[in-house]
């Protein structure tokens, strides 16, 4: 029996799927297909704009979860002391241990949901400085850079996603299109109407994304 291997993810899972595909291909692992949906692939551009914006972000727990990960892997460039003002310097490490749900973490963020307010002035400046160590690390973690995908791929994004902006899709598509790749299917989905009973547009569109991703996998299965 010949096994098939598909990678499949939405939101942060979409980012992880793309990053995992890049790593596996570098190790000469053959993939049957890769499905990346509404992922934050463009960390140093689209998502950095979100982090440093003057407007509120609907699910602010995204930032603490990202920062705790970067602090773990890059403790020098992303130390809590350098990054965070109080009370966030105390609260973010305390409430991102995995024992508190998103509502608790959201409650520890600025009440107006403006993410940049957690940062020290010096760290904020470093994220805007292309030559800083912090910025370079974020750039190197863009899922689409330094790579020309060999596997068949579905890149799917809702064009009015309110949590993971459509710019992530546009930047990745431009990168792959500039490489003249023909193995990628691009799907621009939407717009989707905000339904307060379901929460964000990002959450509302998730079932449709998973269905279309599953159909794509079925189509490309042997």
N, C-alpha and C. Protein backbone atom coordinates (compact mmCIF):
# COMPACT_ATOMS: atom_id res chain seq x y z
N UNK A 1 0.84 -1.19 0.00
CA UNK A 1 0.00 0.00 0.00
C UNK A 1 0.88 1.25 0.00
N UNK A 2 0.60 2.19 -0.87
CA UNK A 2 1.36 3.43 -0.94
C UNK A 2 0.66 4.50 -0.11
N UNK A 3 1.40 5.05 0.85
CA UNK A 3 0.84 6.06 1.74
C UNK A 3 0.91 7.44 1.09
N UNK A 4 -0.09 8.23 1.38
CA UNK A 4 -0.10 9.62 0.93
C UNK A 4 -0.01 10.53 2.15
N UNK A 5 0.70 11.62 2.02
CA UNK A 5 0.90 12.54 3.13
C UNK A 5 0.45 13.93 2.71
N UNK A 6 -0.60 14.41 3.37
CA UNK A 6 -1.10 15.77 3.15
C UNK A 6 -0.93 16.57 4.44
N UNK A 7 -0.58 17.82 4.31
CA UNK A 7 -0.58 18.75 5.42
C UNK A 7 -1.75 19.72 5.23
N UNK A 8 -2.39 20.10 6.36
CA UNK A 8 -3.69 20.75 6.24
C UNK A 8 -3.91 21.61 7.48
N UNK A 9 -4.07 22.94 7.31
CA UNK A 9 -4.26 23.76 8.50
C UNK A 9 -4.91 25.10 8.19
N UNK A 10 -5.55 25.65 9.21
CA UNK A 10 -6.26 26.93 9.13
C UNK A 10 -5.73 27.84 10.22
N UNK A 11 -5.64 29.14 9.93
CA UNK A 11 -5.21 30.15 10.89
C UNK A 11 -3.76 29.89 11.30
N UNK A 12 -3.45 29.84 12.57
CA UNK A 12 -2.09 29.50 12.98
C UNK A 12 -1.69 28.15 12.40
N UNK A 13 -2.67 27.26 12.28
CA UNK A 13 -2.41 25.97 11.65
C UNK A 13 -2.03 26.11 10.19
N UNK A 14 -2.56 27.14 9.51
CA UNK A 14 -2.17 27.40 8.13
C UNK A 14 -0.71 27.82 8.04
N UNK A 15 -0.30 28.67 8.98
CA UNK A 15 1.11 29.06 9.05
C UNK A 15 2.00 27.86 9.33
N UNK A 16 1.62 27.07 10.32
CA UNK A 16 2.41 25.89 10.69
C UNK A 16 2.50 24.92 9.51
N UNK A 17 1.39 24.77 8.78
CA UNK A 17 1.39 23.89 7.62
C UNK A 17 2.41 24.34 6.58
N UNK A 18 2.43 25.64 6.28
CA UNK A 18 3.37 26.14 5.28
C UNK A 18 4.81 25.99 5.78
N UNK A 19 5.05 26.35 7.04
CA UNK A 19 6.40 26.25 7.59
C UNK A 19 6.86 24.79 7.66
N UNK A 20 5.95 23.89 8.01
CA UNK A 20 6.30 22.48 8.07
C UNK A 20 6.61 21.93 6.68
N UNK A 21 5.84 22.36 5.69
CA UNK A 21 6.10 21.92 4.31
C UNK A 21 7.49 22.37 3.86
N UNK A 22 7.85 23.60 4.18
CA UNK A 22 9.17 24.11 3.82
C UNK A 22 10.27 23.25 4.46
N UNK A 23 10.10 22.94 5.73
CA UNK A 23 11.10 22.15 6.44
C UNK A 23 11.17 20.71 5.92
N UNK A 24 10.03 20.11 5.68
CA UNK A 24 10.02 18.72 5.21
C UNK A 24 10.60 18.61 3.80
N UNK A 25 10.27 19.56 2.95
CA UNK A 25 10.85 19.54 1.60
C UNK A 25 12.37 19.70 1.66
N UNK A 26 12.86 20.52 2.59
CA UNK A 26 14.31 20.68 2.74
C UNK A 26 14.96 19.37 3.17
N UNK A 27 14.17 18.49 3.80
CA UNK A 27 14.68 17.18 4.22
C UNK A 27 14.32 16.09 3.20
N UNK A 28 13.88 16.52 2.03
CA UNK A 28 13.56 15.60 0.91
C UNK A 28 12.43 14.64 1.24
N UNK A 29 11.48 15.11 2.03
CA UNK A 29 10.27 14.33 2.31
C UNK A 29 9.24 14.65 1.23
N UNK A 30 8.69 13.64 0.60
CA UNK A 30 7.69 13.83 -0.44
C UNK A 30 6.31 14.03 0.18
N UNK A 31 5.65 15.12 -0.20
CA UNK A 31 4.32 15.42 0.29
C UNK A 31 3.32 15.30 -0.85
N UNK A 32 2.17 14.73 -0.56
CA UNK A 32 1.12 14.58 -1.58
C UNK A 32 0.42 15.90 -1.85
N UNK A 33 0.37 16.75 -0.86
CA UNK A 33 -0.28 18.04 -1.03
C UNK A 33 -0.24 18.83 0.26
N UNK A 34 -0.39 20.15 0.13
CA UNK A 34 -0.31 21.07 1.27
C UNK A 34 -1.47 22.05 1.17
N UNK A 35 -2.26 22.16 2.24
CA UNK A 35 -3.43 23.04 2.27
C UNK A 35 -3.21 24.11 3.34
N UNK A 36 -3.02 25.35 2.89
CA UNK A 36 -2.76 26.48 3.80
C UNK A 36 -3.93 27.46 3.70
N UNK A 37 -4.64 27.67 4.81
CA UNK A 37 -5.86 28.47 4.79
C UNK A 37 -5.82 29.56 5.86
N UNK A 38 -5.99 30.81 5.41
CA UNK A 38 -6.10 31.96 6.32
C UNK A 38 -4.98 31.99 7.36
N UNK A 39 -3.76 31.79 6.92
CA UNK A 39 -2.64 31.77 7.84
C UNK A 39 -1.86 33.08 7.87
N UNK A 40 -1.19 33.37 9.00
CA UNK A 40 -0.38 34.59 9.13
C UNK A 40 1.05 34.38 8.63
N UNK A 41 1.20 34.17 7.33
CA UNK A 41 2.50 33.82 6.76
C UNK A 41 3.47 35.00 6.76
N UNK A 42 2.94 36.22 6.67
CA UNK A 42 3.77 37.41 6.49
C UNK A 42 3.95 38.12 7.82
N UNK A 43 4.78 37.57 8.68
CA UNK A 43 4.93 38.09 10.04
C UNK A 43 5.57 39.47 10.06
N UNK A 44 6.58 39.69 9.21
CA UNK A 44 7.33 40.95 9.28
C UNK A 44 6.67 42.08 8.51
N UNK A 45 5.57 41.78 7.83
CA UNK A 45 4.84 42.80 7.09
C UNK A 45 3.42 42.95 7.57
N UNK A 46 2.53 42.11 7.03
CA UNK A 46 1.11 42.21 7.35
C UNK A 46 0.83 42.07 8.83
N UNK A 47 1.42 41.07 9.48
CA UNK A 47 1.12 40.84 10.89
C UNK A 47 1.85 41.84 11.79
N UNK A 48 3.03 42.30 11.39
CA UNK A 48 3.69 43.34 12.17
C UNK A 48 2.87 44.63 12.15
N UNK A 49 2.25 44.92 11.02
CA UNK A 49 1.35 46.08 10.94
C UNK A 49 0.21 45.94 11.94
N UNK A 50 -0.30 44.72 12.11
CA UNK A 50 -1.35 44.47 13.10
C UNK A 50 -0.84 44.74 14.51
N UNK A 51 0.35 44.25 14.80
CA UNK A 51 0.91 44.40 16.15
C UNK A 51 1.17 45.85 16.52
N UNK A 52 1.52 46.66 15.52
CA UNK A 52 1.92 48.04 15.80
C UNK A 52 0.84 49.06 15.44
N UNK A 53 -0.36 48.57 15.12
CA UNK A 53 -1.44 49.44 14.66
C UNK A 53 -2.02 50.29 15.79
N UNK A 54 -2.66 51.38 15.39
CA UNK A 54 -3.34 52.26 16.35
C UNK A 54 -4.78 51.83 16.60
N UNK A 55 -5.24 50.80 15.91
CA UNK A 55 -6.62 50.37 16.05
C UNK A 55 -6.71 49.04 16.79
N UNK A 56 -7.86 48.73 17.38
CA UNK A 56 -8.00 47.50 18.17
C UNK A 56 -7.96 46.25 17.31
N UNK A 57 -7.53 45.16 17.92
CA UNK A 57 -7.49 43.86 17.28
C UNK A 57 -8.51 42.97 17.98
N UNK A 58 -9.37 42.26 17.23
CA UNK A 58 -10.50 41.56 17.86
C UNK A 58 -10.13 40.44 18.82
N UNK A 59 -8.98 39.80 18.63
CA UNK A 59 -8.58 38.70 19.52
C UNK A 59 -7.16 38.95 20.02
N UNK A 60 -7.00 39.83 21.01
CA UNK A 60 -5.66 40.26 21.42
C UNK A 60 -4.78 39.17 22.00
N UNK A 61 -5.34 38.02 22.38
CA UNK A 61 -4.51 36.94 22.94
C UNK A 61 -3.48 36.44 21.94
N UNK A 62 -3.70 36.73 20.65
CA UNK A 62 -2.74 36.33 19.62
C UNK A 62 -1.33 36.80 19.95
N UNK A 63 -1.19 38.05 20.40
CA UNK A 63 0.13 38.62 20.61
C UNK A 63 0.85 37.97 21.80
N UNK A 64 0.24 37.84 22.98
CA UNK A 64 0.94 37.17 24.08
C UNK A 64 1.39 35.76 23.72
N UNK A 65 0.55 35.02 22.99
CA UNK A 65 0.93 33.66 22.63
C UNK A 65 2.15 33.66 21.70
N UNK A 66 2.20 34.62 20.80
CA UNK A 66 3.36 34.74 19.92
C UNK A 66 4.60 35.12 20.73
N UNK A 67 4.47 36.09 21.62
CA UNK A 67 5.63 36.58 22.36
C UNK A 67 6.21 35.52 23.28
N UNK A 68 5.37 34.70 23.89
CA UNK A 68 5.91 33.67 24.78
C UNK A 68 6.68 32.63 23.98
N UNK A 69 6.23 32.35 22.75
CA UNK A 69 6.96 31.43 21.89
C UNK A 69 8.31 31.98 21.50
N UNK A 70 8.34 33.26 21.11
CA UNK A 70 9.60 33.87 20.70
C UNK A 70 10.55 34.03 21.88
N UNK A 71 10.00 34.33 23.05
CA UNK A 71 10.84 34.41 24.25
C UNK A 71 11.49 33.06 24.56
N UNK A 72 10.77 31.99 24.30
CA UNK A 72 11.30 30.65 24.57
C UNK A 72 12.44 30.30 23.62
N UNK A 73 12.26 30.63 22.34
CA UNK A 73 13.25 30.25 21.33
C UNK A 73 14.36 31.28 21.18
N UNK A 74 14.03 32.56 21.36
CA UNK A 74 15.01 33.65 21.19
C UNK A 74 15.04 34.50 22.46
N UNK A 75 15.49 33.94 23.58
CA UNK A 75 15.37 34.65 24.86
C UNK A 75 16.15 35.95 24.94
N UNK A 76 17.21 36.09 24.16
CA UNK A 76 17.99 37.33 24.22
C UNK A 76 17.30 38.48 23.48
N UNK A 77 16.88 38.22 22.25
CA UNK A 77 16.25 39.27 21.45
C UNK A 77 14.83 39.56 21.89
N UNK A 78 14.17 38.57 22.52
CA UNK A 78 12.77 38.71 22.91
C UNK A 78 12.60 38.48 24.41
N UNK A 79 13.46 39.09 25.20
CA UNK A 79 13.31 38.97 26.66
C UNK A 79 12.10 39.78 27.10
N UNK A 80 11.42 39.30 28.11
CA UNK A 80 10.25 40.03 28.61
C UNK A 80 10.65 41.41 29.13
N UNK A 81 11.83 41.49 29.74
CA UNK A 81 12.30 42.75 30.28
C UNK A 81 12.43 43.81 29.18
N UNK A 82 12.95 43.37 28.01
CA UNK A 82 13.14 44.30 26.90
C UNK A 82 11.83 44.62 26.19
N UNK A 83 10.95 43.64 26.10
CA UNK A 83 9.74 43.78 25.29
C UNK A 83 8.61 44.53 25.96
N UNK A 84 8.36 44.24 27.23
CA UNK A 84 7.05 44.54 27.81
C UNK A 84 7.08 45.57 28.93
N UNK A 85 6.08 46.44 28.93
CA UNK A 85 5.80 47.33 30.04
C UNK A 85 5.02 46.56 31.12
N UNK A 86 5.00 47.11 32.30
CA UNK A 86 4.09 46.60 33.32
C UNK A 86 2.69 47.16 33.07
N UNK A 87 1.63 46.39 33.38
CA UNK A 87 1.63 45.10 34.08
C UNK A 87 1.85 43.90 33.15
N UNK A 88 2.07 44.16 31.86
CA UNK A 88 2.16 43.07 30.88
C UNK A 88 3.42 42.23 31.07
N UNK A 89 4.48 42.86 31.57
CA UNK A 89 5.72 42.12 31.82
C UNK A 89 5.51 41.04 32.87
N UNK A 90 4.60 41.30 33.80
CA UNK A 90 4.26 40.30 34.82
C UNK A 90 3.16 39.37 34.34
N UNK A 91 2.11 39.93 33.73
CA UNK A 91 0.92 39.15 33.42
C UNK A 91 1.09 38.22 32.22
N UNK A 92 1.79 38.66 31.18
CA UNK A 92 1.87 37.81 29.98
C UNK A 92 2.60 36.50 30.27
N UNK A 93 3.77 36.50 30.90
CA UNK A 93 4.38 35.19 31.23
C UNK A 93 3.51 34.35 32.17
N UNK A 94 2.83 35.02 33.08
CA UNK A 94 2.04 34.29 34.09
C UNK A 94 0.83 33.61 33.48
N UNK A 95 0.19 34.26 32.49
CA UNK A 95 -1.08 33.75 31.98
C UNK A 95 -0.98 33.10 30.60
N UNK A 96 0.26 32.83 30.13
CA UNK A 96 0.43 32.12 28.86
C UNK A 96 1.12 30.78 29.07
N UNK A 97 0.81 30.16 30.18
CA UNK A 97 1.43 28.87 30.54
C UNK A 97 0.68 27.67 29.97
N UNK A 98 -0.49 27.93 29.38
CA UNK A 98 -1.32 26.83 28.89
C UNK A 98 -2.42 26.43 29.85
N UNK A 99 -2.42 27.03 31.03
CA UNK A 99 -3.43 26.70 32.03
C UNK A 99 -4.57 27.72 32.09
N UNK A 100 -4.52 28.72 31.19
CA UNK A 100 -5.56 29.74 31.15
C UNK A 100 -6.09 29.85 29.73
N UNK A 101 -7.41 30.00 29.60
CA UNK A 101 -7.98 30.04 28.25
C UNK A 101 -7.87 31.44 27.66
N UNK A 102 -8.32 31.56 26.41
CA UNK A 102 -8.13 32.81 25.67
C UNK A 102 -8.84 33.99 26.32
N UNK A 103 -9.97 33.74 26.98
CA UNK A 103 -10.70 34.86 27.60
C UNK A 103 -9.89 35.47 28.74
N UNK A 104 -9.18 34.62 29.48
CA UNK A 104 -8.33 35.12 30.56
C UNK A 104 -7.18 35.93 30.00
N UNK A 105 -6.53 35.40 28.97
CA UNK A 105 -5.39 36.10 28.35
C UNK A 105 -5.85 37.42 27.74
N UNK A 106 -6.99 37.40 27.05
CA UNK A 106 -7.55 38.65 26.50
C UNK A 106 -7.74 39.69 27.58
N UNK A 107 -8.19 39.23 28.75
CA UNK A 107 -8.47 40.15 29.85
C UNK A 107 -7.22 40.79 30.44
N UNK A 108 -6.07 40.25 30.15
CA UNK A 108 -4.81 40.81 30.64
C UNK A 108 -4.19 41.79 29.65
N UNK A 109 -4.80 41.91 28.49
CA UNK A 109 -4.32 42.84 27.46
C UNK A 109 -4.99 44.21 27.63
N UNK A 110 -4.51 45.24 26.92
CA UNK A 110 -5.13 46.57 27.04
C UNK A 110 -6.63 46.51 26.79
N UNK A 111 -7.40 47.23 27.58
CA UNK A 111 -8.86 47.16 27.49
C UNK A 111 -9.38 47.63 26.15
N UNK A 112 -8.63 48.51 25.46
CA UNK A 112 -9.07 48.99 24.14
C UNK A 112 -8.58 48.09 23.01
N UNK A 113 -7.87 46.99 23.37
CA UNK A 113 -7.40 45.98 22.42
C UNK A 113 -6.37 46.50 21.42
N UNK A 114 -5.70 47.59 21.76
CA UNK A 114 -4.62 48.09 20.92
C UNK A 114 -3.33 47.40 21.37
N UNK A 115 -2.83 46.52 20.53
CA UNK A 115 -1.77 45.59 20.91
C UNK A 115 -0.46 46.28 21.28
N UNK A 116 -0.10 47.30 20.54
CA UNK A 116 1.23 47.91 20.71
C UNK A 116 1.44 48.50 22.10
N UNK A 117 0.37 48.71 22.85
CA UNK A 117 0.49 49.32 24.18
C UNK A 117 1.23 48.44 25.18
N UNK A 118 1.42 47.16 24.85
CA UNK A 118 2.15 46.28 25.77
C UNK A 118 3.66 46.49 25.65
N UNK A 119 4.13 47.07 24.55
CA UNK A 119 5.55 47.14 24.26
C UNK A 119 6.23 48.32 24.96
N UNK A 120 7.49 48.12 25.33
CA UNK A 120 8.32 49.24 25.73
C UNK A 120 8.60 50.09 24.49
N UNK A 121 8.93 51.34 24.70
CA UNK A 121 9.22 52.22 23.56
C UNK A 121 10.40 51.71 22.75
N UNK A 122 11.41 51.20 23.43
CA UNK A 122 12.61 50.75 22.71
C UNK A 122 12.32 49.50 21.88
N UNK A 123 11.49 48.61 22.39
CA UNK A 123 11.19 47.40 21.62
C UNK A 123 10.27 47.73 20.44
N UNK A 124 9.33 48.62 20.67
CA UNK A 124 8.49 49.10 19.56
C UNK A 124 9.36 49.65 18.44
N UNK A 125 10.33 50.46 18.81
CA UNK A 125 11.23 51.04 17.81
C UNK A 125 12.03 49.96 17.09
N UNK A 126 12.45 48.93 17.81
CA UNK A 126 13.25 47.87 17.20
C UNK A 126 12.45 47.10 16.16
N UNK A 127 11.16 46.93 16.39
CA UNK A 127 10.32 46.21 15.42
C UNK A 127 10.11 47.02 14.15
N UNK A 128 10.34 48.32 14.21
CA UNK A 128 10.22 49.17 13.03
C UNK A 128 11.57 49.38 12.33
N UNK A 129 12.62 48.84 12.93
CA UNK A 129 13.97 48.99 12.40
C UNK A 129 14.38 47.71 11.67
N UNK A 130 14.48 47.78 10.35
CA UNK A 130 14.74 46.59 9.54
C UNK A 130 16.08 45.92 9.87
N UNK A 131 17.01 46.67 10.44
CA UNK A 131 18.32 46.11 10.75
C UNK A 131 18.42 45.57 12.18
N UNK A 132 17.37 45.69 12.97
CA UNK A 132 17.43 45.21 14.36
C UNK A 132 17.37 43.69 14.41
N UNK A 133 17.90 43.13 15.47
CA UNK A 133 17.89 41.67 15.64
C UNK A 133 16.45 41.16 15.74
N UNK A 134 15.61 41.86 16.47
CA UNK A 134 14.22 41.42 16.63
C UNK A 134 13.51 41.38 15.28
N UNK A 135 13.66 42.44 14.49
CA UNK A 135 13.00 42.45 13.18
C UNK A 135 13.53 41.34 12.29
N UNK A 136 14.83 41.14 12.28
CA UNK A 136 15.42 40.11 11.42
C UNK A 136 14.91 38.72 11.79
N UNK A 137 14.73 38.45 13.07
CA UNK A 137 14.19 37.16 13.50
C UNK A 137 12.76 36.99 13.01
N UNK A 138 11.95 38.03 13.16
CA UNK A 138 10.57 37.95 12.68
C UNK A 138 10.56 37.71 11.17
N UNK A 139 11.40 38.43 10.43
CA UNK A 139 11.46 38.25 8.98
C UNK A 139 11.83 36.82 8.61
N UNK A 140 12.83 36.26 9.28
CA UNK A 140 13.28 34.90 8.97
C UNK A 140 12.19 33.86 9.26
N UNK A 141 11.23 34.22 10.08
CA UNK A 141 10.13 33.30 10.39
C UNK A 141 8.92 33.48 9.48
N UNK A 142 8.99 34.38 8.49
CA UNK A 142 7.95 34.39 7.46
C UNK A 142 7.91 33.02 6.81
N UNK A 143 6.73 32.45 6.67
CA UNK A 143 6.63 31.05 6.23
C UNK A 143 7.02 30.85 4.77
N UNK A 144 6.96 31.90 3.97
CA UNK A 144 7.10 31.75 2.53
C UNK A 144 8.50 32.08 2.01
N UNK A 145 9.40 32.57 2.85
CA UNK A 145 10.69 33.07 2.35
C UNK A 145 11.69 31.94 2.16
N UNK A 146 12.68 32.19 1.30
CA UNK A 146 13.79 31.27 1.07
C UNK A 146 13.33 29.86 0.68
N UNK A 147 12.32 29.82 -0.20
CA UNK A 147 11.71 28.52 -0.49
C UNK A 147 10.86 28.62 -1.74
N UNK A 148 11.00 27.61 -2.61
CA UNK A 148 10.11 27.46 -3.75
C UNK A 148 9.40 26.11 -3.60
N UNK A 149 8.14 26.11 -3.16
CA UNK A 149 7.45 24.84 -2.89
C UNK A 149 7.45 23.91 -4.11
N UNK A 150 7.73 22.65 -3.84
CA UNK A 150 7.67 21.63 -4.88
C UNK A 150 6.34 20.89 -4.87
N UNK A 151 5.73 20.79 -3.71
CA UNK A 151 4.49 20.03 -3.55
C UNK A 151 3.31 20.80 -4.14
N UNK A 152 2.26 20.06 -4.49
CA UNK A 152 0.99 20.71 -4.83
C UNK A 152 0.48 21.43 -3.59
N UNK A 153 -0.06 22.63 -3.80
CA UNK A 153 -0.49 23.43 -2.66
C UNK A 153 -1.79 24.14 -2.97
N UNK A 154 -2.65 24.23 -1.95
CA UNK A 154 -3.81 25.11 -1.99
C UNK A 154 -3.55 26.26 -1.04
N UNK A 155 -3.57 27.48 -1.56
CA UNK A 155 -3.45 28.68 -0.74
C UNK A 155 -4.82 29.36 -0.77
N UNK A 156 -5.52 29.34 0.35
CA UNK A 156 -6.93 29.73 0.45
C UNK A 156 -7.06 30.81 1.52
N UNK A 157 -7.79 31.89 1.21
CA UNK A 157 -7.93 32.96 2.21
C UNK A 157 -9.24 33.72 1.99
N UNK A 158 -9.91 34.02 3.07
CA UNK A 158 -11.09 34.88 3.03
C UNK A 158 -10.63 36.33 2.89
N UNK A 159 -11.17 37.03 1.90
CA UNK A 159 -10.61 38.36 1.60
C UNK A 159 -11.02 39.47 2.56
N UNK A 160 -11.93 39.19 3.51
CA UNK A 160 -12.19 40.20 4.55
C UNK A 160 -12.00 39.62 5.95
N UNK A 161 -11.09 38.65 6.05
CA UNK A 161 -10.74 38.09 7.36
C UNK A 161 -10.35 39.22 8.31
N UNK A 162 -10.96 39.25 9.48
CA UNK A 162 -10.74 40.35 10.42
C UNK A 162 -9.68 40.05 11.47
N UNK A 163 -9.10 38.87 11.45
CA UNK A 163 -8.06 38.50 12.41
C UNK A 163 -6.72 38.23 11.72
N UNK A 164 -6.77 37.55 10.59
CA UNK A 164 -5.56 37.28 9.80
C UNK A 164 -5.76 37.97 8.46
N UNK A 165 -5.27 39.19 8.32
CA UNK A 165 -5.59 40.00 7.14
C UNK A 165 -5.21 39.34 5.82
N UNK A 166 -5.96 39.69 4.79
CA UNK A 166 -5.79 39.15 3.45
C UNK A 166 -4.41 39.44 2.88
N UNK A 167 -3.75 40.45 3.40
CA UNK A 167 -2.40 40.76 2.95
C UNK A 167 -1.44 39.59 3.06
N UNK A 168 -1.66 38.71 4.04
CA UNK A 168 -0.82 37.51 4.16
C UNK A 168 -0.89 36.66 2.90
N UNK A 169 -2.09 36.49 2.38
CA UNK A 169 -2.30 35.74 1.13
C UNK A 169 -1.63 36.45 -0.04
N UNK A 170 -1.83 37.76 -0.12
CA UNK A 170 -1.30 38.52 -1.27
C UNK A 170 0.22 38.46 -1.33
N UNK A 171 0.87 38.59 -0.18
CA UNK A 171 2.33 38.57 -0.15
C UNK A 171 2.86 37.19 -0.54
N UNK A 172 2.26 36.14 0.02
CA UNK A 172 2.70 34.79 -0.32
C UNK A 172 2.44 34.48 -1.79
N UNK A 173 1.28 34.89 -2.30
CA UNK A 173 0.96 34.65 -3.71
C UNK A 173 1.95 35.38 -4.62
N UNK A 174 2.28 36.61 -4.29
CA UNK A 174 3.23 37.35 -5.12
C UNK A 174 4.59 36.66 -5.12
N UNK A 175 5.03 36.23 -3.96
CA UNK A 175 6.32 35.55 -3.85
C UNK A 175 6.34 34.31 -4.74
N UNK A 176 5.31 33.47 -4.64
CA UNK A 176 5.30 32.23 -5.40
C UNK A 176 5.06 32.49 -6.89
N UNK A 177 4.26 33.50 -7.19
CA UNK A 177 4.02 33.84 -8.60
C UNK A 177 5.29 34.38 -9.25
N UNK A 178 6.06 35.17 -8.51
CA UNK A 178 7.32 35.70 -9.04
C UNK A 178 8.30 34.57 -9.36
N UNK A 179 8.15 33.45 -8.66
CA UNK A 179 9.00 32.29 -8.93
C UNK A 179 8.46 31.43 -10.07
N UNK A 180 7.33 31.88 -10.65
CA UNK A 180 6.69 31.19 -11.80
C UNK A 180 6.28 29.77 -11.46
N UNK A 181 5.84 29.58 -10.23
CA UNK A 181 5.40 28.24 -9.81
C UNK A 181 4.02 27.94 -10.38
N UNK A 182 3.83 26.71 -10.82
CA UNK A 182 2.55 26.30 -11.41
C UNK A 182 1.85 25.21 -10.59
N UNK A 183 2.39 24.89 -9.43
CA UNK A 183 1.86 23.81 -8.60
C UNK A 183 0.96 24.31 -7.48
N UNK A 184 0.58 25.60 -7.53
CA UNK A 184 -0.20 26.17 -6.43
C UNK A 184 -1.54 26.67 -6.94
N UNK A 185 -2.60 26.27 -6.24
CA UNK A 185 -3.94 26.76 -6.51
C UNK A 185 -4.24 27.90 -5.54
N UNK A 186 -4.62 29.06 -6.06
CA UNK A 186 -4.94 30.22 -5.23
C UNK A 186 -6.44 30.42 -5.20
N UNK A 187 -7.00 30.49 -4.01
CA UNK A 187 -8.44 30.71 -3.87
C UNK A 187 -8.67 31.91 -2.96
N UNK A 188 -9.26 32.95 -3.53
CA UNK A 188 -9.67 34.14 -2.78
C UNK A 188 -11.15 33.99 -2.47
N UNK A 189 -11.47 33.81 -1.20
CA UNK A 189 -12.85 33.53 -0.80
C UNK A 189 -13.45 34.73 -0.08
N UNK A 190 -14.72 34.96 -0.33
CA UNK A 190 -15.38 35.99 0.44
C UNK A 190 -16.02 37.04 -0.44
N UNK A 191 -16.46 38.14 0.16
CA UNK A 191 -16.39 38.43 1.60
C UNK A 191 -17.46 37.68 2.40
N UNK A 192 -17.22 37.62 3.70
CA UNK A 192 -18.14 36.96 4.63
C UNK A 192 -18.74 38.01 5.55
N UNK A 193 -20.04 37.93 5.78
CA UNK A 193 -20.72 38.88 6.65
C UNK A 193 -20.45 38.55 8.11
N UNK A 194 -20.16 39.56 8.90
CA UNK A 194 -19.92 39.36 10.32
C UNK A 194 -21.21 38.94 11.01
N UNK A 195 -21.13 37.84 11.75
CA UNK A 195 -22.25 37.32 12.51
C UNK A 195 -21.88 37.36 13.98
N UNK A 196 -22.44 38.32 14.76
CA UNK A 196 -22.05 38.45 16.16
C UNK A 196 -22.23 37.18 16.97
N UNK A 197 -23.20 36.34 16.58
CA UNK A 197 -23.43 35.10 17.32
C UNK A 197 -22.28 34.11 17.15
N UNK A 198 -21.52 34.25 16.06
CA UNK A 198 -20.40 33.34 15.80
C UNK A 198 -19.06 33.96 16.15
N UNK A 199 -19.04 35.23 16.50
CA UNK A 199 -17.78 35.88 16.80
C UNK A 199 -17.19 36.55 15.58
N UNK A 200 -15.92 36.37 15.37
CA UNK A 200 -15.22 37.05 14.29
C UNK A 200 -15.53 36.41 12.93
N UNK A 201 -15.23 37.17 11.88
CA UNK A 201 -15.32 36.62 10.52
C UNK A 201 -14.37 35.43 10.39
N UNK A 202 -13.20 35.54 11.00
CA UNK A 202 -12.20 34.47 10.96
C UNK A 202 -12.79 33.15 11.46
N UNK A 203 -13.51 33.21 12.55
CA UNK A 203 -14.13 32.00 13.11
C UNK A 203 -15.31 31.56 12.25
N UNK A 204 -16.08 32.52 11.76
CA UNK A 204 -17.26 32.20 10.95
C UNK A 204 -16.88 31.44 9.68
N UNK A 205 -15.77 31.81 9.06
CA UNK A 205 -15.40 31.22 7.78
C UNK A 205 -14.67 29.88 7.94
N UNK A 206 -14.25 29.56 9.14
CA UNK A 206 -13.44 28.35 9.35
C UNK A 206 -14.10 27.06 8.85
N UNK A 207 -15.38 26.80 9.14
CA UNK A 207 -15.97 25.56 8.63
C UNK A 207 -15.94 25.46 7.11
N UNK A 208 -16.18 26.58 6.42
CA UNK A 208 -16.12 26.57 4.96
C UNK A 208 -14.71 26.28 4.49
N UNK A 209 -13.72 26.86 5.15
CA UNK A 209 -12.33 26.61 4.79
C UNK A 209 -11.98 25.14 4.93
N UNK A 210 -12.35 24.55 6.05
CA UNK A 210 -12.03 23.14 6.28
C UNK A 210 -12.72 22.24 5.25
N UNK A 211 -13.94 22.58 4.89
CA UNK A 211 -14.66 21.79 3.89
C UNK A 211 -13.96 21.89 2.54
N UNK A 212 -13.61 23.10 2.12
CA UNK A 212 -12.98 23.25 0.82
C UNK A 212 -11.58 22.62 0.81
N UNK A 213 -10.89 22.72 1.93
CA UNK A 213 -9.59 22.07 2.02
C UNK A 213 -9.69 20.57 1.91
N UNK A 214 -10.70 20.00 2.56
CA UNK A 214 -10.91 18.56 2.49
C UNK A 214 -11.27 18.12 1.08
N UNK A 215 -12.08 18.90 0.39
CA UNK A 215 -12.43 18.58 -0.99
C UNK A 215 -11.20 18.61 -1.90
N UNK A 216 -10.33 19.58 -1.65
CA UNK A 216 -9.11 19.70 -2.45
C UNK A 216 -8.22 18.47 -2.23
N UNK A 217 -8.11 18.04 -0.98
CA UNK A 217 -7.30 16.84 -0.68
C UNK A 217 -7.91 15.62 -1.38
N UNK A 218 -9.22 15.48 -1.30
CA UNK A 218 -9.89 14.35 -1.95
C UNK A 218 -9.62 14.36 -3.46
N UNK A 219 -9.67 15.54 -4.05
CA UNK A 219 -9.44 15.67 -5.49
C UNK A 219 -8.02 15.25 -5.87
N UNK A 220 -7.08 15.49 -5.00
CA UNK A 220 -5.69 15.20 -5.32
C UNK A 220 -5.20 13.88 -4.73
N UNK A 221 -6.11 13.12 -4.13
CA UNK A 221 -5.75 11.79 -3.62
C UNK A 221 -5.76 10.78 -4.76
N UNK A 222 -4.92 9.78 -4.63
CA UNK A 222 -4.85 8.74 -5.67
C UNK A 222 -5.98 7.73 -5.49
